[in-house]
Amino acid sequence: MSTKGPKRPMTAFFYFLQENRNRIKHEGEKLKPTELTSKAGEEWRGMNDEQRAKYNELAKIDKNRFDQEKKMRENMPIRRKKEGNEEKKKEGKEEKKKEEKEEKKKEEKEEENGASEQDE
């Protein structure tokens, strides 16, 4: 299960859109995604309750799934981060910066030595 929680339930309209997207897409000229969704919305608004029943039932089932997953999540014990992990990460970052500084100093020193040898 994701740390963000359960996936939100789909609406009846989105089930309708999912099922009819290809049909609507191929009926008309080349449609942009927003135009396709608008056309589907027009069809959806023209449907009666009997025609929408199938999609409303799918949405109801998905809503029940969401509610169950949400309830399960609320009942799960909270996992706490191990203490000290943040400190270890911080120490590691500081150590890495220190190493980078030392490496940069070595490179500068080598460049200085190389330049002074060429002058001689």
PDB file of N, CA and C in Angstrom:
ATOM      1  N   MET A   1       0.844  -1.184   0.000  1.00  0.00           N
ATOM      2  CA  MET A   1       0.000   0.000   0.000  1.00  0.00           C
ATOM      3  C   MET A   1       0.883   1.238   0.000  1.00  0.00           C
ATOM      4  N   SER A   2       0.486   2.224  -0.706  1.00  0.00           N
ATOM      5  CA  SER A   2       1.242   3.454  -0.842  1.00  0.00           C
ATOM      6  C   SER A   2       1.253   4.241   0.469  1.00  0.00           C
ATOM      7  N   THR A   3       2.272   5.061   0.645  1.00  0.00           N
ATOM      8  CA  THR A   3       2.337   5.891   1.838  1.00  0.00           C
ATOM      9  C   THR A   3       1.371   7.056   1.746  1.00  0.00           C
ATOM     10  N   LYS A   4       0.874   7.322   0.560  1.00  0.00           N
ATOM     11  CA  LYS A   4      -0.046   8.439   0.359  1.00  0.00           C
ATOM     12  C   LYS A   4      -1.495   8.049   0.642  1.00  0.00           C
ATOM     13  N   GLY A   5      -1.771   6.792   0.818  1.00  0.00           N
ATOM     14  CA  GLY A   5      -3.127   6.349   1.062  1.00  0.00           C
ATOM     15  C   GLY A   5      -3.701   5.656  -0.151  1.00  0.00           C
ATOM     16  N   PRO A   6      -4.954   5.190  -0.041  1.00  0.00           N
ATOM     17  CA  PRO A   6      -5.562   4.460  -1.162  1.00  0.00           C
ATOM     18  C   PRO A   6      -5.859   5.374  -2.347  1.00  0.00           C
ATOM     19  N   LYS A   7      -5.914   4.762  -3.518  1.00  0.00           N
ATOM     20  CA  LYS A   7      -6.222   5.493  -4.746  1.00  0.00           C
ATOM     21  C   LYS A   7      -7.671   5.972  -4.665  1.00  0.00           C
ATOM     22  N   ARG A   8      -7.887   7.227  -5.030  1.00  0.00           N
ATOM     23  CA  ARG A   8      -9.225   7.811  -4.965  1.00  0.00           C
ATOM     24  C   ARG A   8     -10.190   7.067  -5.902  1.00  0.00           C
ATOM     25  N   PRO A   9     -11.480   7.022  -5.550  1.00  0.00           N
ATOM     26  CA  PRO A   9     -12.445   6.321  -6.404  1.00  0.00           C
ATOM     27  C   PRO A   9     -12.748   7.122  -7.673  1.00  0.00           C
ATOM     28  N   MET A  10     -13.053   6.391  -8.742  1.00  0.00           N
ATOM     29  CA  MET A  10     -13.430   7.048  -9.997  1.00  0.00           C
ATOM     30  C   MET A  10     -14.914   7.384  -9.961  1.00  0.00           C
ATOM     31  N   THR A  11     -15.276   8.448 -10.670  1.00  0.00           N
ATOM     32  CA  THR A  11     -16.691   8.832 -10.756  1.00  0.00           C
ATOM     33  C   THR A  11     -17.357   8.031 -11.875  1.00  0.00           C
ATOM     34  N   ALA A  12     -18.682   8.058 -11.876  1.00  0.00           N
ATOM     35  CA  ALA A  12     -19.445   7.368 -12.917  1.00  0.00           C
ATOM     36  C   ALA A  12     -19.075   7.910 -14.301  1.00  0.00           C
ATOM     37  N   PHE A  13     -18.916   9.225 -14.396  1.00  0.00           N
ATOM     38  CA  PHE A  13     -18.555   9.833 -15.683  1.00  0.00           C
ATOM     39  C   PHE A  13     -17.216   9.295 -16.175  1.00  0.00           C
ATOM     40  N   PHE A  14     -16.247   9.128 -15.290  1.00  0.00           N
ATOM     41  CA  PHE A  14     -14.944   8.628 -15.728  1.00  0.00           C
ATOM     42  C   PHE A  14     -15.010   7.172 -16.182  1.00  0.00           C
ATOM     43  N   TYR A  15     -15.897   6.375 -15.586  1.00  0.00           N
ATOM     44  CA  TYR A  15     -16.093   5.017 -16.097  1.00  0.00           C
ATOM     45  C   TYR A  15     -16.702   5.076 -17.498  1.00  0.00           C
ATOM     46  N   PHE A  16     -17.661   5.985 -17.693  1.00  0.00           N
ATOM     47  CA  PHE A  16     -18.260   6.171 -19.013  1.00  0.00           C
ATOM     48  C   PHE A  16     -17.192   6.599 -20.018  1.00  0.00           C
ATOM     49  N   LEU A  17     -16.372   7.569 -19.643  1.00  0.00           N
ATOM     50  CA  LEU A  17     -15.325   8.074 -20.517  1.00  0.00           C
ATOM     51  C   LEU A  17     -14.325   6.978 -20.865  1.00  0.00           C
ATOM     52  N   GLN A  18     -13.937   6.203 -19.867  1.00  0.00           N
ATOM     53  CA  GLN A  18     -12.979   5.116 -20.081  1.00  0.00           C
ATOM     54  C   GLN A  18     -13.505   4.112 -21.115  1.00  0.00           C
ATOM     55  N   GLU A  19     -14.775   3.792 -21.019  1.00  0.00           N
ATOM     56  CA  GLU A  19     -15.379   2.808 -21.917  1.00  0.00           C
ATOM     57  C   GLU A  19     -15.631   3.365 -23.322  1.00  0.00           C
ATOM     58  N   ASN A  20     -15.894   4.665 -23.433  1.00  0.00           N
ATOM     59  CA  ASN A  20     -16.324   5.237 -24.713  1.00  0.00           C
ATOM     60  C   ASN A  20     -15.292   6.136 -25.391  1.00  0.00           C
ATOM     61  N   ARG A  21     -14.141   6.320 -24.799  1.00  0.00           N
ATOM     62  CA  ARG A  21     -13.126   7.235 -25.342  1.00  0.00           C
ATOM     63  C   ARG A  21     -12.768   6.886 -26.796  1.00  0.00           C
ATOM     64  N   ASN A  22     -12.459   5.622 -27.068  1.00  0.00           N
ATOM     65  CA  ASN A  22     -12.055   5.239 -28.432  1.00  0.00           C
ATOM     66  C   ASN A  22     -13.169   5.451 -29.450  1.00  0.00           C
ATOM     67  N   ARG A  23     -14.400   5.124 -29.065  1.00  0.00           N
ATOM     68  CA  ARG A  23     -15.530   5.311 -29.984  1.00  0.00           C
ATOM     69  C   ARG A  23     -15.685   6.789 -30.332  1.00  0.00           C
ATOM     70  N   ILE A  24     -15.668   7.638 -29.325  1.00  0.00           N
ATOM     71  CA  ILE A  24     -15.828   9.079 -29.549  1.00  0.00           C
ATOM     72  C   ILE A  24     -14.656   9.616 -30.372  1.00  0.00           C
ATOM     73  N   LYS A  25     -13.479   9.127 -30.078  1.00  0.00           N
ATOM     74  CA  LYS A  25     -12.267   9.566 -30.781  1.00  0.00           C
ATOM     75  C   LYS A  25     -12.347   9.257 -32.273  1.00  0.00           C
ATOM     76  N   HIS A  26     -12.879   8.082 -32.617  1.00  0.00           N
ATOM     77  CA  HIS A  26     -12.911   7.653 -34.020  1.00  0.00           C
ATOM     78  C   HIS A  26     -14.163   8.125 -34.766  1.00  0.00           C
ATOM     79  N   GLU A  27     -15.170   8.589 -34.049  1.00  0.00           N
ATOM     80  CA  GLU A  27     -16.383   9.077 -34.705  1.00  0.00           C
ATOM     81  C   GLU A  27     -16.141  10.395 -35.445  1.00  0.00           C
ATOM     82  N   GLY A  28     -15.465  11.302 -34.803  1.00  0.00           N
ATOM     83  CA  GLY A  28     -15.288  12.631 -35.370  1.00  0.00           C
ATOM     84  C   GLY A  28     -13.907  12.821 -35.948  1.00  0.00           C
ATOM     85  N   GLU A  29     -13.659  14.066 -36.327  1.00  0.00           N
ATOM     86  CA  GLU A  29     -12.331  14.419 -36.826  1.00  0.00           C
ATOM     87  C   GLU A  29     -11.340  14.298 -35.669  1.00  0.00           C
ATOM     88  N   LYS A  30     -10.101  14.601 -35.957  1.00  0.00           N
ATOM     89  CA  LYS A  30      -9.072  14.492 -34.935  1.00  0.00           C
ATOM     90  C   LYS A  30      -9.380  15.481 -33.801  1.00  0.00           C
ATOM     91  N   LEU A  31      -9.619  14.957 -32.601  1.00  0.00           N
ATOM     92  CA  LEU A  31      -9.979  15.794 -31.464  1.00  0.00           C
ATOM     93  C   LEU A  31      -8.831  15.905 -30.472  1.00  0.00           C
ATOM     94  N   LYS A  32      -8.691  17.074 -29.897  1.00  0.00           N
ATOM     95  CA  LYS A  32      -7.748  17.253 -28.806  1.00  0.00           C
ATOM     96  C   LYS A  32      -8.348  16.558 -27.578  1.00  0.00           C
ATOM     97  N   PRO A  33      -7.522  16.172 -26.619  1.00  0.00           N
ATOM     98  CA  PRO A  33      -8.058  15.503 -25.419  1.00  0.00           C
ATOM     99  C   PRO A  33      -9.152  16.315 -24.707  1.00  0.00           C
ATOM    100  N   THR A  34      -8.988  17.624 -24.643  1.00  0.00           N
ATOM    101  CA  THR A  34     -10.011  18.437 -23.975  1.00  0.00           C
ATOM    102  C   THR A  34     -11.320  18.449 -24.768  1.00  0.00           C
ATOM    103  N   GLU A  35     -11.211  18.464 -26.095  1.00  0.00           N
ATOM    104  CA  GLU A  35     -12.405  18.433 -26.945  1.00  0.00           C
ATOM    105  C   GLU A  35     -13.111  17.096 -26.832  1.00  0.00           C
ATOM    106  N   LEU A  36     -12.329  16.027 -26.766  1.00  0.00           N
ATOM    107  CA  LEU A  36     -12.890  14.689 -26.626  1.00  0.00           C
ATOM    108  C   LEU A  36     -13.665  14.583 -25.309  1.00  0.00           C
ATOM    109  N   THR A  37     -13.083  15.098 -24.236  1.00  0.00           N
ATOM    110  CA  THR A  37     -13.745  15.054 -22.933  1.00  0.00           C
ATOM    111  C   THR A  37     -15.022  15.899 -22.949  1.00  0.00           C
ATOM    112  N   SER A  38     -14.979  17.041 -23.617  1.00  0.00           N
ATOM    113  CA  SER A  38     -16.178  17.887 -23.722  1.00  0.00           C
ATOM    114  C   SER A  38     -17.287  17.167 -24.468  1.00  0.00           C
ATOM    115  N   LYS A  39     -16.921  16.513 -25.556  1.00  0.00           N
ATOM    116  CA  LYS A  39     -17.914  15.774 -26.349  1.00  0.00           C
ATOM    117  C   LYS A  39     -18.518  14.639 -25.521  1.00  0.00           C
ATOM    118  N   ALA A  40     -17.668  13.951 -24.743  1.00  0.00           N
ATOM    119  CA  ALA A  40     -18.151  12.883 -23.868  1.00  0.00           C
ATOM    120  C   ALA A  40     -19.084  13.463 -22.809  1.00  0.00           C
ATOM    121  N   GLY A  41     -18.761  14.645 -22.314  1.00  0.00           N
ATOM    122  CA  GLY A  41     -19.612  15.306 -21.326  1.00  0.00           C
ATOM    123  C   GLY A  41     -20.986  15.631 -21.890  1.00  0.00           C
ATOM    124  N   GLU A  42     -21.014  16.058 -23.144  1.00  0.00           N
ATOM    125  CA  GLU A  42     -22.298  16.334 -23.790  1.00  0.00           C
ATOM    126  C   GLU A  42     -23.139  15.060 -23.870  1.00  0.00           C
ATOM    127  N   GLU A  43     -22.490  13.954 -24.264  1.00  0.00           N
ATOM    128  CA  GLU A  43     -23.207  12.672 -24.332  1.00  0.00           C
ATOM    129  C   GLU A  43     -23.713  12.277 -22.952  1.00  0.00           C
ATOM    130  N   TRP A  44     -22.854  12.438 -21.949  1.00  0.00           N
ATOM    131  CA  TRP A  44     -23.194  12.053 -20.580  1.00  0.00           C
ATOM    132  C   TRP A  44     -24.416  12.836 -20.086  1.00  0.00           C
ATOM    133  N   ARG A  45     -24.424  14.125 -20.353  1.00  0.00           N
ATOM    134  CA  ARG A  45     -25.551  14.952 -19.917  1.00  0.00           C
ATOM    135  C   ARG A  45     -26.844  14.581 -20.647  1.00  0.00           C
ATOM    136  N   GLY A  46     -26.717  14.021 -21.844  1.00  0.00           N
ATOM    137  CA  GLY A  46     -27.897  13.622 -22.619  1.00  0.00           C
ATOM    138  C   GLY A  46     -28.436  12.248 -22.229  1.00  0.00           C
ATOM    139  N   MET A  47     -27.729  11.538 -21.375  1.00  0.00           N
ATOM    140  CA  MET A  47     -28.163  10.197 -20.977  1.00  0.00           C
ATOM    141  C   MET A  47     -29.171  10.282 -19.835  1.00  0.00           C
ATOM    142  N   ASN A  48     -30.110   9.302 -19.808  1.00  0.00           N
ATOM    143  CA  ASN A  48     -31.061   9.253 -18.697  1.00  0.00           C
ATOM    144  C   ASN A  48     -30.503   8.360 -17.580  1.00  0.00           C
ATOM    145  N   ASP A  49     -31.198   8.305 -16.453  1.00  0.00           N
ATOM    146  CA  ASP A  49     -30.724   7.545 -15.290  1.00  0.00           C
ATOM    147  C   ASP A  49     -30.540   6.062 -15.590  1.00  0.00           C
ATOM    148  N   GLU A  50     -31.409   5.533 -16.438  1.00  0.00           N
ATOM    149  CA  GLU A  50     -31.324   4.111 -16.792  1.00  0.00           C
ATOM    150  C   GLU A  50     -30.031   3.817 -17.558  1.00  0.00           C
ATOM    151  N   GLN A  51     -29.657   4.716 -18.472  1.00  0.00           N
ATOM    152  CA  GLN A  51     -28.426   4.540 -19.243  1.00  0.00           C
ATOM    153  C   GLN A  51     -27.182   4.740 -18.367  1.00  0.00           C
ATOM    154  N   ARG A  52     -27.297   5.574 -17.360  1.00  0.00           N
ATOM    155  CA  ARG A  52     -26.167   5.846 -16.469  1.00  0.00           C
ATOM    156  C   ARG A  52     -26.003   4.796 -15.363  1.00  0.00           C
ATOM    157  N   ALA A  53     -27.011   3.959 -15.160  1.00  0.00           N
ATOM    158  CA  ALA A  53     -27.028   3.021 -14.027  1.00  0.00           C
ATOM    159  C   ALA A  53     -25.771   2.142 -13.969  1.00  0.00           C
ATOM    160  N   LYS A  54     -25.357   1.632 -15.116  1.00  0.00           N
ATOM    161  CA  LYS A  54     -24.174   0.760 -15.169  1.00  0.00           C
ATOM    162  C   LYS A  54     -22.940   1.476 -14.602  1.00  0.00           C
ATOM    163  N   TYR A  55     -22.751   2.726 -15.006  1.00  0.00           N
ATOM    164  CA  TYR A  55     -21.576   3.488 -14.591  1.00  0.00           C
ATOM    165  C   TYR A  55     -21.685   3.926 -13.127  1.00  0.00           C
ATOM    166  N   ASN A  56     -22.922   4.232 -12.702  1.00  0.00           N
ATOM    167  CA  ASN A  56     -23.136   4.577 -11.300  1.00  0.00           C
ATOM    168  C   ASN A  56     -22.823   3.385 -10.391  1.00  0.00           C
ATOM    169  N   GLU A  57     -23.163   2.191 -10.846  1.00  0.00           N
ATOM    170  CA  GLU A  57     -22.876   0.984 -10.068  1.00  0.00           C
ATOM    171  C   GLU A  57     -21.372   0.744  -9.961  1.00  0.00           C
ATOM    172  N   LEU A  58     -20.647   0.934 -11.070  1.00  0.00           N
ATOM    173  CA  LEU A  58     -19.188   0.787 -11.038  1.00  0.00           C
ATOM    174  C   LEU A  58     -18.561   1.808 -10.086  1.00  0.00           C
ATOM    175  N   ALA A  59     -19.075   3.029 -10.115  1.00  0.00           N
ATOM    176  CA  ALA A  59     -18.561   4.074  -9.233  1.00  0.00           C
ATOM    177  C   ALA A  59     -18.849   3.739  -7.770  1.00  0.00           C
ATOM    178  N   LYS A  60     -20.018   3.170  -7.515  1.00  0.00           N
ATOM    179  CA  LYS A  60     -20.400   2.797  -6.152  1.00  0.00           C
ATOM    180  C   LYS A  60     -19.471   1.693  -5.619  1.00  0.00           C
ATOM    181  N   ILE A  61     -19.179   0.719  -6.464  1.00  0.00           N
ATOM    182  CA  ILE A  61     -18.271  -0.371  -6.080  1.00  0.00           C
ATOM    183  C   ILE A  61     -16.880   0.186  -5.772  1.00  0.00           C
ATOM    184  N   ASP A  62     -16.409   1.107  -6.623  1.00  0.00           N
ATOM    185  CA  ASP A  62     -15.083   1.682  -6.423  1.00  0.00           C
ATOM    186  C   ASP A  62     -15.050   2.538  -5.154  1.00  0.00           C
ATOM    187  N   LYS A  63     -16.142   3.232  -4.866  1.00  0.00           N
ATOM    188  CA  LYS A  63     -16.220   4.043  -3.648  1.00  0.00           C
ATOM    189  C   LYS A  63     -16.149   3.141  -2.416  1.00  0.00           C
ATOM    190  N   ASN A  64     -16.826   1.994  -2.466  1.00  0.00           N
ATOM    191  CA  ASN A  64     -16.765   1.039  -1.352  1.00  0.00           C
ATOM    192  C   ASN A  64     -15.345   0.523  -1.158  1.00  0.00           C
ATOM    193  N   ARG A  65     -14.656   0.229  -2.270  1.00  0.00           N
ATOM    194  CA  ARG A  65     -13.261  -0.211  -2.194  1.00  0.00           C
ATOM    195  C   ARG A  65     -12.400   0.850  -1.517  1.00  0.00           C
ATOM    196  N   PHE A  66     -12.588   2.087  -1.935  1.00  0.00           N
ATOM    197  CA  PHE A  66     -11.831   3.193  -1.367  1.00  0.00           C
ATOM    198  C   PHE A  66     -12.092   3.308   0.138  1.00  0.00           C
ATOM    199  N   ASP A  67     -13.358   3.254   0.528  1.00  0.00           N
ATOM    200  CA  ASP A  67     -13.708   3.376   1.950  1.00  0.00           C
ATOM    201  C   ASP A  67     -13.084   2.255   2.783  1.00  0.00           C
ATOM    202  N   GLN A  68     -13.088   1.024   2.243  1.00  0.00           N
ATOM    203  CA  GLN A  68     -12.490  -0.108   2.953  1.00  0.00           C
ATOM    204  C   GLN A  68     -10.985   0.077   3.105  1.00  0.00           C
ATOM    205  N   GLU A  69     -10.316   0.467   2.030  1.00  0.00           N
ATOM    206  CA  GLU A  69      -8.863   0.669   2.086  1.00  0.00           C
ATOM    207  C   GLU A  69      -8.511   1.804   3.042  1.00  0.00           C
ATOM    208  N   LYS A  70      -9.330   2.841   3.038  1.00  0.00           N
ATOM    209  CA  LYS A  70      -9.094   3.976   3.930  1.00  0.00           C
ATOM    210  C   LYS A  70      -9.255   3.532   5.388  1.00  0.00           C
ATOM    211  N   LYS A  71     -10.280   2.741   5.648  1.00  0.00           N
ATOM    212  CA  LYS A  71     -10.531   2.254   7.006  1.00  0.00           C
ATOM    213  C   LYS A  71      -9.393   1.342   7.469  1.00  0.00           C
ATOM    214  N   MET A  72      -8.930   0.461   6.559  1.00  0.00           N
ATOM    215  CA  MET A  72      -7.811  -0.429   6.894  1.00  0.00           C
ATOM    216  C   MET A  72      -6.573   0.395   7.224  1.00  0.00           C
ATOM    217  N   ARG A  73      -6.348   1.415   6.456  1.00  0.00           N
ATOM    218  CA  ARG A  73      -5.174   2.263   6.659  1.00  0.00           C
ATOM    219  C   ARG A  73      -5.229   2.977   8.005  1.00  0.00           C
ATOM    220  N   GLU A  74      -6.415   3.429   8.385  1.00  0.00           N
ATOM    221  CA  GLU A  74      -6.569   4.116   9.663  1.00  0.00           C
ATOM    222  C   GLU A  74      -6.307   3.176  10.835  1.00  0.00           C
ATOM    223  N   ASN A  75      -6.573   1.881  10.644  1.00  0.00           N
ATOM    224  CA  ASN A  75      -6.386   0.906  11.716  1.00  0.00           C
ATOM    225  C   ASN A  75      -4.973   0.330  11.763  1.00  0.00           C
ATOM    226  N   MET A  76      -4.159   0.659  10.766  1.00  0.00           N
ATOM    227  CA  MET A  76      -2.791   0.135  10.728  1.00  0.00           C
ATOM    228  C   MET A  76      -1.922   0.878  11.732  1.00  0.00           C
ATOM    229  N   PRO A  77      -0.971   0.167  12.356  1.00  0.00           N
ATOM    230  CA  PRO A  77      -0.055   0.854  13.270  1.00  0.00           C
ATOM    231  C   PRO A  77       0.858   1.794  12.490  1.00  0.00           C
ATOM    232  N   ILE A  78       1.236   2.868  13.132  1.00  0.00           N
ATOM    233  CA  ILE A  78       2.097   3.860  12.497  1.00  0.00           C
ATOM    234  C   ILE A  78       3.534   3.404  12.605  1.00  0.00           C
ATOM    235  N   ARG A  79       4.240   3.407  11.494  1.00  0.00           N
ATOM    236  CA  ARG A  79       5.658   3.056  11.498  1.00  0.00           C
ATOM    237  C   ARG A  79       6.459   4.319  11.770  1.00  0.00           C
ATOM    238  N   ARG A  80       7.282   4.224  12.737  1.00  0.00           N
ATOM    239  CA  ARG A  80       8.127   5.363  13.078  1.00  0.00           C
ATOM    240  C   ARG A  80       9.498   5.165  12.457  1.00  0.00           C
ATOM    241  N   LYS A  81      10.109   6.270  12.069  1.00  0.00           N
ATOM    242  CA  LYS A  81      11.463   6.196  11.528  1.00  0.00           C
ATOM    243  C   LYS A  81      12.401   5.813  12.652  1.00  0.00           C
ATOM    244  N   LYS A  82      13.418   5.054  12.317  1.00  0.00           N
ATOM    245  CA  LYS A  82      14.409   4.689  13.316  1.00  0.00           C
ATOM    246  C   LYS A  82      15.149   5.937  13.750  1.00  0.00           C
ATOM    247  N   GLU A  83      15.312   6.048  15.053  1.00  0.00           N
ATOM    248  CA  GLU A  83      16.023   7.211  15.573  1.00  0.00           C
ATOM    249  C   GLU A  83      17.470   7.159  15.127  1.00  0.00           C
ATOM    250  N   GLY A  84      18.004   8.297  14.848  1.00  0.00           N
ATOM    251  CA  GLY A  84      19.402   8.368  14.455  1.00  0.00           C
ATOM    252  C   GLY A  84      19.622   8.349  12.957  1.00  0.00           C
ATOM    253  N   ASN A  85      18.645   7.926  12.178  1.00  0.00           N
ATOM    254  CA  ASN A  85      18.821   7.884  10.720  1.00  0.00           C
ATOM    255  C   ASN A  85      19.086   9.272  10.154  1.00  0.00           C
ATOM    256  N   GLU A  86      18.345  10.247  10.640  1.00  0.00           N
ATOM    257  CA  GLU A  86      18.534  11.611  10.148  1.00  0.00           C
ATOM    258  C   GLU A  86      19.927  12.132  10.507  1.00  0.00           C
ATOM    259  N   GLU A  87      20.343  11.800  11.728  1.00  0.00           N
ATOM    260  CA  GLU A  87      21.678  12.243  12.157  1.00  0.00           C
ATOM    261  C   GLU A  87      22.761  11.598  11.302  1.00  0.00           C
ATOM    262  N   LYS A  88      22.604  10.314  11.002  1.00  0.00           N
ATOM    263  CA  LYS A  88      23.578   9.610  10.166  1.00  0.00           C
ATOM    264  C   LYS A  88      23.649  10.231   8.774  1.00  0.00           C
ATOM    265  N   LYS A  89      22.489  10.555   8.223  1.00  0.00           N
ATOM    266  CA  LYS A  89      22.453  11.181   6.900  1.00  0.00           C
ATOM    267  C   LYS A  89      23.175  12.530   6.932  1.00  0.00           C
ATOM    268  N   LYS A  90      22.902  13.299   7.980  1.00  0.00           N
ATOM    269  CA  LYS A  90      23.514  14.617   8.110  1.00  0.00           C
ATOM    270  C   LYS A  90      25.034  14.488   8.234  1.00  0.00           C
ATOM    271  N   GLU A  91      25.475  13.507   9.065  1.00  0.00           N
ATOM    272  CA  GLU A  91      26.913  13.280   9.226  1.00  0.00           C
ATOM    273  C   GLU A  91      27.549  12.874   7.902  1.00  0.00           C
ATOM    274  N   GLY A  92      26.864  12.017   7.163  1.00  0.00           N
ATOM    275  CA  GLY A  92      27.365  11.564   5.863  1.00  0.00           C
ATOM    276  C   GLY A  92      27.517  12.720   4.884  1.00  0.00           C
ATOM    277  N   LYS A  93      26.547  13.629   4.881  1.00  0.00           N
ATOM    278  CA  LYS A  93      26.611  14.783   3.986  1.00  0.00           C
ATOM    279  C   LYS A  93      27.771  15.694   4.368  1.00  0.00           C
ATOM    280  N   GLU A  94      27.928  15.907   5.679  1.00  0.00           N
ATOM    281  CA  GLU A  94      29.027  16.763   6.147  1.00  0.00           C
ATOM    282  C   GLU A  94      30.373  16.159   5.779  1.00  0.00           C
ATOM    283  N   GLU A  95      30.478  14.837   5.945  1.00  0.00           N
ATOM    284  CA  GLU A  95      31.732  14.141   5.622  1.00  0.00           C
ATOM    285  C   GLU A  95      32.025  14.251   4.124  1.00  0.00           C
ATOM    286  N   LYS A  96      31.002  14.121   3.307  1.00  0.00           N
ATOM    287  CA  LYS A  96      31.180  14.212   1.857  1.00  0.00           C
ATOM    288  C   LYS A  96      31.662  15.610   1.464  1.00  0.00           C
ATOM    289  N   LYS A  97      31.066  16.639   2.080  1.00  0.00           N
ATOM    290  CA  LYS A  97      31.493  18.009   1.796  1.00  0.00           C
ATOM    291  C   LYS A  97      32.955  18.207   2.176  1.00  0.00           C
ATOM    292  N   LYS A  98      33.337  17.655   3.312  1.00  0.00           N
ATOM    293  CA  LYS A  98      34.705  17.769   3.795  1.00  0.00           C
ATOM    294  C   LYS A  98      35.675  17.134   2.797  1.00  0.00           C
ATOM    295  N   GLU A  99      35.314  15.932   2.323  1.00  0.00           N
ATOM    296  CA  GLU A  99      36.143  15.228   1.343  1.00  0.00           C
ATOM    297  C   GLU A  99      36.265  16.030   0.050  1.00  0.00           C
ATOM    298  N   GLU A 100      35.151  16.626  -0.396  1.00  0.00           N
ATOM    299  CA  GLU A 100      35.171  17.426  -1.627  1.00  0.00           C
ATOM    300  C   GLU A 100      36.089  18.635  -1.477  1.00  0.00           C
ATOM    301  N   LYS A 101      36.047  19.276  -0.299  1.00  0.00           N
ATOM    302  CA  LYS A 101      36.912  20.425  -0.056  1.00  0.00           C
ATOM    303  C   LYS A 101      38.376  20.016  -0.097  1.00  0.00           C
ATOM    304  N   GLU A 102      38.685  18.882   0.555  1.00  0.00           N
ATOM    305  CA  GLU A 102      40.069  18.396   0.573  1.00  0.00           C
ATOM    306  C   GLU A 102      40.543  18.077  -0.837  1.00  0.00           C
ATOM    307  N   GLU A 103      39.701  17.457  -1.628  1.00  0.00           N
ATOM    308  CA  GLU A 103      40.053  17.102  -3.005  1.00  0.00           C
ATOM    309  C   GLU A 103      40.293  18.366  -3.832  1.00  0.00           C
ATOM    310  N   LYS A 104      39.465  19.379  -3.615  1.00  0.00           N
ATOM    311  CA  LYS A 104      39.624  20.637  -4.339  1.00  0.00           C
ATOM    312  C   LYS A 104      40.947  21.305  -3.978  1.00  0.00           C
ATOM    313  N   LYS A 105      41.296  21.264  -2.682  1.00  0.00           N
ATOM    314  CA  LYS A 105      42.569  21.841  -2.242  1.00  0.00           C
ATOM    315  C   LYS A 105      43.742  21.123  -2.898  1.00  0.00           C
ATOM    316  N   LYS A 106      43.669  19.781  -2.976  1.00  0.00           N
ATOM    317  CA  LYS A 106      44.734  18.993  -3.609  1.00  0.00           C
ATOM    318  C   LYS A 106      44.890  19.400  -5.072  1.00  0.00           C
ATOM    319  N   GLU A 107      43.761  19.540  -5.774  1.00  0.00           N
ATOM    320  CA  GLU A 107      43.800  19.915  -7.185  1.00  0.00           C
ATOM    321  C   GLU A 107      44.429  21.292  -7.357  1.00  0.00           C
ATOM    322  N   GLU A 108      44.052  22.235  -6.505  1.00  0.00           N
ATOM    323  CA  GLU A 108      44.617  23.589  -6.581  1.00  0.00           C
ATOM    324  C   GLU A 108      46.120  23.564  -6.320  1.00  0.00           C
ATOM    325  N   LYS A 109      46.520  22.750  -5.346  1.00  0.00           N
ATOM    326  CA  LYS A 109      47.934  22.636  -5.004  1.00  0.00           C
ATOM    327  C   LYS A 109      48.715  22.049  -6.185  1.00  0.00           C
ATOM    328  N   GLU A 110      48.146  21.012  -6.828  1.00  0.00           N
ATOM    329  CA  GLU A 110      48.790  20.385  -7.983  1.00  0.00           C
ATOM    330  C   GLU A 110      48.919  21.384  -9.128  1.00  0.00           C
ATOM    331  N   GLU A 111      47.889  22.199  -9.331  1.00  0.00           N
ATOM    332  CA  GLU A 111      47.940  23.217 -10.386  1.00  0.00           C
ATOM    333  C   GLU A 111      49.026  24.245 -10.090  1.00  0.00           C
ATOM    334  N   GLU A 112      49.125  24.647  -8.839  1.00  0.00           N
ATOM    335  CA  GLU A 112      50.161  25.604  -8.444  1.00  0.00           C
ATOM    336  C   GLU A 112      51.551  25.018  -8.665  1.00  0.00           C
ATOM    337  N   ASN A 113      51.751  23.773  -8.274  1.00  0.00           N
ATOM    338  CA  ASN A 113      53.039  23.094  -8.452  1.00  0.00           C
ATOM    339  C   ASN A 113      53.378  22.967  -9.934  1.00  0.00           C
ATOM    340  N   GLY A 114      52.380  22.635 -10.716  1.00  0.00           N
ATOM    341  CA  GLY A 114      52.612  22.508 -12.170  1.00  0.00           C
ATOM    342  C   GLY A 114      52.956  23.835 -12.790  1.00  0.00           C
ATOM    343  N   ALA A 115      52.332  24.902 -12.355  1.00  0.00           N
ATOM    344  CA  ALA A 115      52.611  26.230 -12.904  1.00  0.00           C
ATOM    345  C   ALA A 115      53.987  26.714 -12.479  1.00  0.00           C
ATOM    346  N   SER A 116      54.381  26.435 -11.223  1.00  0.00           N
ATOM    347  CA  SER A 116      55.700  26.888 -10.752  1.00  0.00           C
ATOM    348  C   SER A 116      56.821  26.097 -11.414  1.00  0.00           C
ATOM    349  N   GLU A 117      56.598  24.833 -11.750  1.00  0.00           N
ATOM    350  CA  GLU A 117      57.618  24.029 -12.431  1.00  0.00           C
ATOM    351  C   GLU A 117      57.825  24.543 -13.844  1.00  0.00           C
ATOM    352  N   GLN A 118      56.761  24.996 -14.485  1.00  0.00           N
ATOM    353  CA  GLN A 118      56.874  25.513 -15.854  1.00  0.00           C
ATOM    354  C   GLN A 118      57.624  26.840 -15.864  1.00  0.00           C
ATOM    355  N   ASP A 119      57.510  27.626 -14.813  1.00  0.00           N
ATOM    356  CA  ASP A 119      58.183  28.910 -14.721  1.00  0.00           C
ATOM    357  C   ASP A 119      59.698  28.731 -14.570  1.00  0.00           C
ATOM    358  N   GLU A 120      60.109  27.648 -13.978  1.00  0.00           N
ATOM    359  CA  GLU A 120      61.545  27.425 -13.710  1.00  0.00           C
ATOM    360  C   GLU A 120      62.302  27.025 -14.915  1.00  0.00           C
TER     361      GLU A 120
END
